[in-house]
Amino acid sequence: MCIKEAKYIDKSTLETTTFPQALMNYKETDSNVLWDPINIDASVYENDFTDNNVEVYYYEEPDYKEIL
């Protein structure tokens, strides 16, 4: 389990950072998550986490050689 601090914005929004993709490995296999969805939950009191299973993804920005 990975835990990050988050800033409460409102009842539908938290603001936080992510770990670098290169450091995100599956515990069981030690293989990288790559572009797989990652389920996240939130805790507002100690370790009492929600069970919302919100999916987040890493994505890759395109590299542009030239913009016309």
N, C-alpha and C. Protein backbone atom coordinates (compact mmCIF):
# COMPACT_ATOMS: atom_id res chain seq x y z
N MET A 1 0.85 -1.17 0.00
CA MET A 1 0.00 0.00 0.00
C MET A 1 0.89 1.24 0.00
N CYS A 2 0.55 2.19 -0.83
CA CYS A 2 1.26 3.47 -0.89
C CYS A 2 0.35 4.54 -0.29
N ILE A 3 0.93 5.41 0.52
CA ILE A 3 0.13 6.45 1.15
C ILE A 3 0.74 7.82 0.84
N LYS A 4 -0.11 8.76 0.45
CA LYS A 4 0.30 10.14 0.17
C LYS A 4 -0.62 11.10 0.91
N GLU A 5 -0.07 12.20 1.38
CA GLU A 5 -0.87 13.26 1.97
C GLU A 5 -1.68 13.94 0.87
N ALA A 6 -2.87 14.43 1.21
CA ALA A 6 -3.71 15.13 0.24
C ALA A 6 -4.33 16.35 0.90
N LYS A 7 -4.63 17.34 0.08
CA LYS A 7 -5.30 18.55 0.55
C LYS A 7 -6.79 18.44 0.21
N TYR A 8 -7.63 18.58 1.20
CA TYR A 8 -9.08 18.55 1.00
C TYR A 8 -9.51 19.86 0.34
N ILE A 9 -10.16 19.77 -0.82
CA ILE A 9 -10.67 20.94 -1.53
C ILE A 9 -12.17 21.09 -1.26
N ASP A 10 -12.91 20.05 -1.56
CA ASP A 10 -14.35 20.00 -1.26
C ASP A 10 -14.77 18.54 -1.22
N LYS A 11 -16.07 18.26 -1.04
CA LYS A 11 -16.51 16.88 -0.85
C LYS A 11 -16.23 15.97 -2.05
N SER A 12 -15.94 16.53 -3.20
CA SER A 12 -15.65 15.74 -4.40
C SER A 12 -14.22 15.84 -4.87
N THR A 13 -13.37 16.64 -4.17
CA THR A 13 -12.04 16.92 -4.70
C THR A 13 -10.97 16.86 -3.62
N LEU A 14 -9.91 16.12 -3.91
CA LEU A 14 -8.69 16.12 -3.12
C LEU A 14 -7.55 16.50 -4.05
N GLU A 15 -6.56 17.20 -3.54
CA GLU A 15 -5.39 17.57 -4.34
C GLU A 15 -4.18 16.88 -3.74
N THR A 16 -3.45 16.16 -4.58
CA THR A 16 -2.28 15.43 -4.11
C THR A 16 -1.29 15.23 -5.25
N THR A 17 -0.15 14.67 -4.93
CA THR A 17 0.84 14.31 -5.95
C THR A 17 0.87 12.79 -6.08
N THR A 18 1.58 12.32 -7.07
CA THR A 18 1.72 10.88 -7.25
C THR A 18 3.18 10.49 -7.11
N PHE A 19 3.41 9.21 -6.96
CA PHE A 19 4.77 8.69 -6.99
C PHE A 19 5.20 8.60 -8.45
N PRO A 20 6.50 8.70 -8.74
CA PRO A 20 6.95 8.51 -10.12
C PRO A 20 6.55 7.12 -10.62
N GLN A 21 6.13 7.04 -11.86
CA GLN A 21 5.69 5.76 -12.43
C GLN A 21 6.77 4.69 -12.30
N ALA A 22 8.01 5.05 -12.45
CA ALA A 22 9.10 4.07 -12.39
C ALA A 22 9.19 3.39 -11.02
N LEU A 23 8.62 4.00 -9.98
CA LEU A 23 8.66 3.42 -8.64
C LEU A 23 7.41 2.62 -8.29
N MET A 24 6.43 2.61 -9.17
CA MET A 24 5.16 1.93 -8.89
C MET A 24 5.16 0.50 -9.41
N ASN A 25 5.42 -0.43 -8.51
CA ASN A 25 5.46 -1.85 -8.86
C ASN A 25 4.39 -2.62 -8.11
N TYR A 26 3.91 -3.70 -8.73
CA TYR A 26 3.00 -4.60 -8.05
C TYR A 26 3.75 -5.34 -6.95
N LYS A 27 3.15 -5.43 -5.78
CA LYS A 27 3.78 -6.08 -4.64
C LYS A 27 4.02 -7.57 -4.92
N GLU A 28 3.05 -8.23 -5.56
CA GLU A 28 3.12 -9.68 -5.78
C GLU A 28 4.20 -10.08 -6.78
N THR A 29 4.40 -9.27 -7.82
CA THR A 29 5.31 -9.67 -8.91
C THR A 29 6.52 -8.76 -9.05
N ASP A 30 6.50 -7.61 -8.40
CA ASP A 30 7.54 -6.59 -8.52
C ASP A 30 7.67 -6.03 -9.93
N SER A 31 6.67 -6.29 -10.79
CA SER A 31 6.68 -5.70 -12.13
C SER A 31 6.01 -4.33 -12.08
N ASN A 32 6.40 -3.45 -12.98
CA ASN A 32 5.91 -2.08 -13.00
C ASN A 32 4.44 -2.03 -13.44
N VAL A 33 3.69 -1.07 -12.92
CA VAL A 33 2.27 -0.94 -13.28
C VAL A 33 2.08 -0.43 -14.71
N LEU A 34 3.11 0.21 -15.27
CA LEU A 34 3.05 0.75 -16.63
C LEU A 34 1.82 1.63 -16.79
N TRP A 35 0.90 1.22 -17.68
CA TRP A 35 -0.28 2.04 -17.99
C TRP A 35 -1.55 1.43 -17.41
N ASP A 36 -1.40 0.44 -16.52
CA ASP A 36 -2.57 -0.19 -15.89
C ASP A 36 -3.28 0.79 -14.97
N PRO A 37 -4.60 0.63 -14.82
CA PRO A 37 -5.31 1.49 -13.86
C PRO A 37 -4.89 1.16 -12.43
N ILE A 38 -4.84 2.17 -11.59
CA ILE A 38 -4.49 2.00 -10.18
C ILE A 38 -5.69 2.48 -9.38
N ASN A 39 -6.20 1.64 -8.50
CA ASN A 39 -7.35 2.03 -7.66
C ASN A 39 -6.86 2.78 -6.44
N ILE A 40 -7.49 3.91 -6.17
CA ILE A 40 -7.13 4.70 -4.99
C ILE A 40 -8.35 4.91 -4.10
N ASP A 41 -8.09 5.06 -2.84
CA ASP A 41 -9.11 5.36 -1.84
C ASP A 41 -8.56 6.46 -0.95
N ALA A 42 -9.42 7.08 -0.19
CA ALA A 42 -9.01 8.20 0.67
C ALA A 42 -9.32 7.89 2.12
N SER A 43 -8.53 8.48 2.99
CA SER A 43 -8.77 8.37 4.43
C SER A 43 -8.77 9.78 5.01
N VAL A 44 -9.80 10.10 5.74
CA VAL A 44 -9.84 11.41 6.39
C VAL A 44 -9.57 11.30 7.89
N TYR A 45 -9.55 10.08 8.40
CA TYR A 45 -9.30 9.86 9.81
C TYR A 45 -8.45 8.61 9.99
N GLU A 46 -7.22 8.77 10.40
CA GLU A 46 -6.27 7.68 10.62
C GLU A 46 -6.26 6.74 9.43
N ASN A 47 -6.49 5.45 9.63
CA ASN A 47 -6.45 4.47 8.53
C ASN A 47 -7.84 3.97 8.16
N ASP A 48 -8.84 4.81 8.32
CA ASP A 48 -10.21 4.46 7.96
C ASP A 48 -10.45 4.89 6.52
N PHE A 49 -10.09 4.01 5.56
CA PHE A 49 -10.13 4.34 4.14
C PHE A 49 -11.50 4.12 3.55
N THR A 50 -11.82 4.91 2.52
CA THR A 50 -13.04 4.71 1.74
C THR A 50 -12.89 3.44 0.92
N ASP A 51 -13.97 3.02 0.30
CA ASP A 51 -13.92 1.86 -0.59
C ASP A 51 -14.48 2.28 -1.95
N ASN A 52 -13.98 3.41 -2.47
CA ASN A 52 -14.50 3.96 -3.72
C ASN A 52 -13.84 3.37 -4.96
N ASN A 53 -12.61 2.87 -4.82
CA ASN A 53 -11.88 2.29 -5.96
C ASN A 53 -11.85 3.22 -7.17
N VAL A 54 -11.47 4.46 -6.96
CA VAL A 54 -11.33 5.42 -8.06
C VAL A 54 -10.10 5.01 -8.87
N GLU A 55 -10.26 4.87 -10.18
CA GLU A 55 -9.15 4.47 -11.04
C GLU A 55 -8.38 5.68 -11.54
N VAL A 56 -7.06 5.63 -11.41
CA VAL A 56 -6.19 6.64 -12.01
C VAL A 56 -5.17 5.91 -12.88
N TYR A 57 -4.64 6.62 -13.85
CA TYR A 57 -3.70 6.06 -14.81
C TYR A 57 -2.49 6.97 -14.96
N TYR A 58 -1.36 6.37 -15.22
CA TYR A 58 -0.23 7.16 -15.71
C TYR A 58 -0.42 7.27 -17.22
N TYR A 59 0.01 8.36 -17.78
CA TYR A 59 -0.07 8.51 -19.23
C TYR A 59 1.19 9.20 -19.71
N GLU A 60 1.42 9.09 -20.98
CA GLU A 60 2.63 9.65 -21.57
C GLU A 60 2.27 10.79 -22.49
N GLU A 61 2.91 11.91 -22.28
CA GLU A 61 2.71 13.06 -23.16
C GLU A 61 3.45 12.80 -24.47
N PRO A 62 2.86 13.19 -25.60
CA PRO A 62 3.57 13.01 -26.87
C PRO A 62 4.78 13.94 -26.97
N ASP A 63 5.79 13.48 -27.66
CA ASP A 63 6.95 14.31 -27.96
C ASP A 63 6.77 14.89 -29.36
N TYR A 64 6.79 16.22 -29.45
CA TYR A 64 6.61 16.87 -30.74
C TYR A 64 7.99 17.24 -31.30
N LYS A 65 8.20 16.87 -32.55
CA LYS A 65 9.44 17.24 -33.22
C LYS A 65 9.33 18.63 -33.82
N GLU A 66 8.11 18.95 -34.30
CA GLU A 66 7.89 20.24 -34.91
C GLU A 66 6.41 20.56 -34.89
N ILE A 67 6.07 21.76 -34.53
CA ILE A 67 4.68 22.19 -34.55
C ILE A 67 4.53 23.15 -35.71
N LEU A 68 3.62 22.83 -36.61
CA LEU A 68 3.40 23.65 -37.80
C LEU A 68 2.35 24.69 -37.58
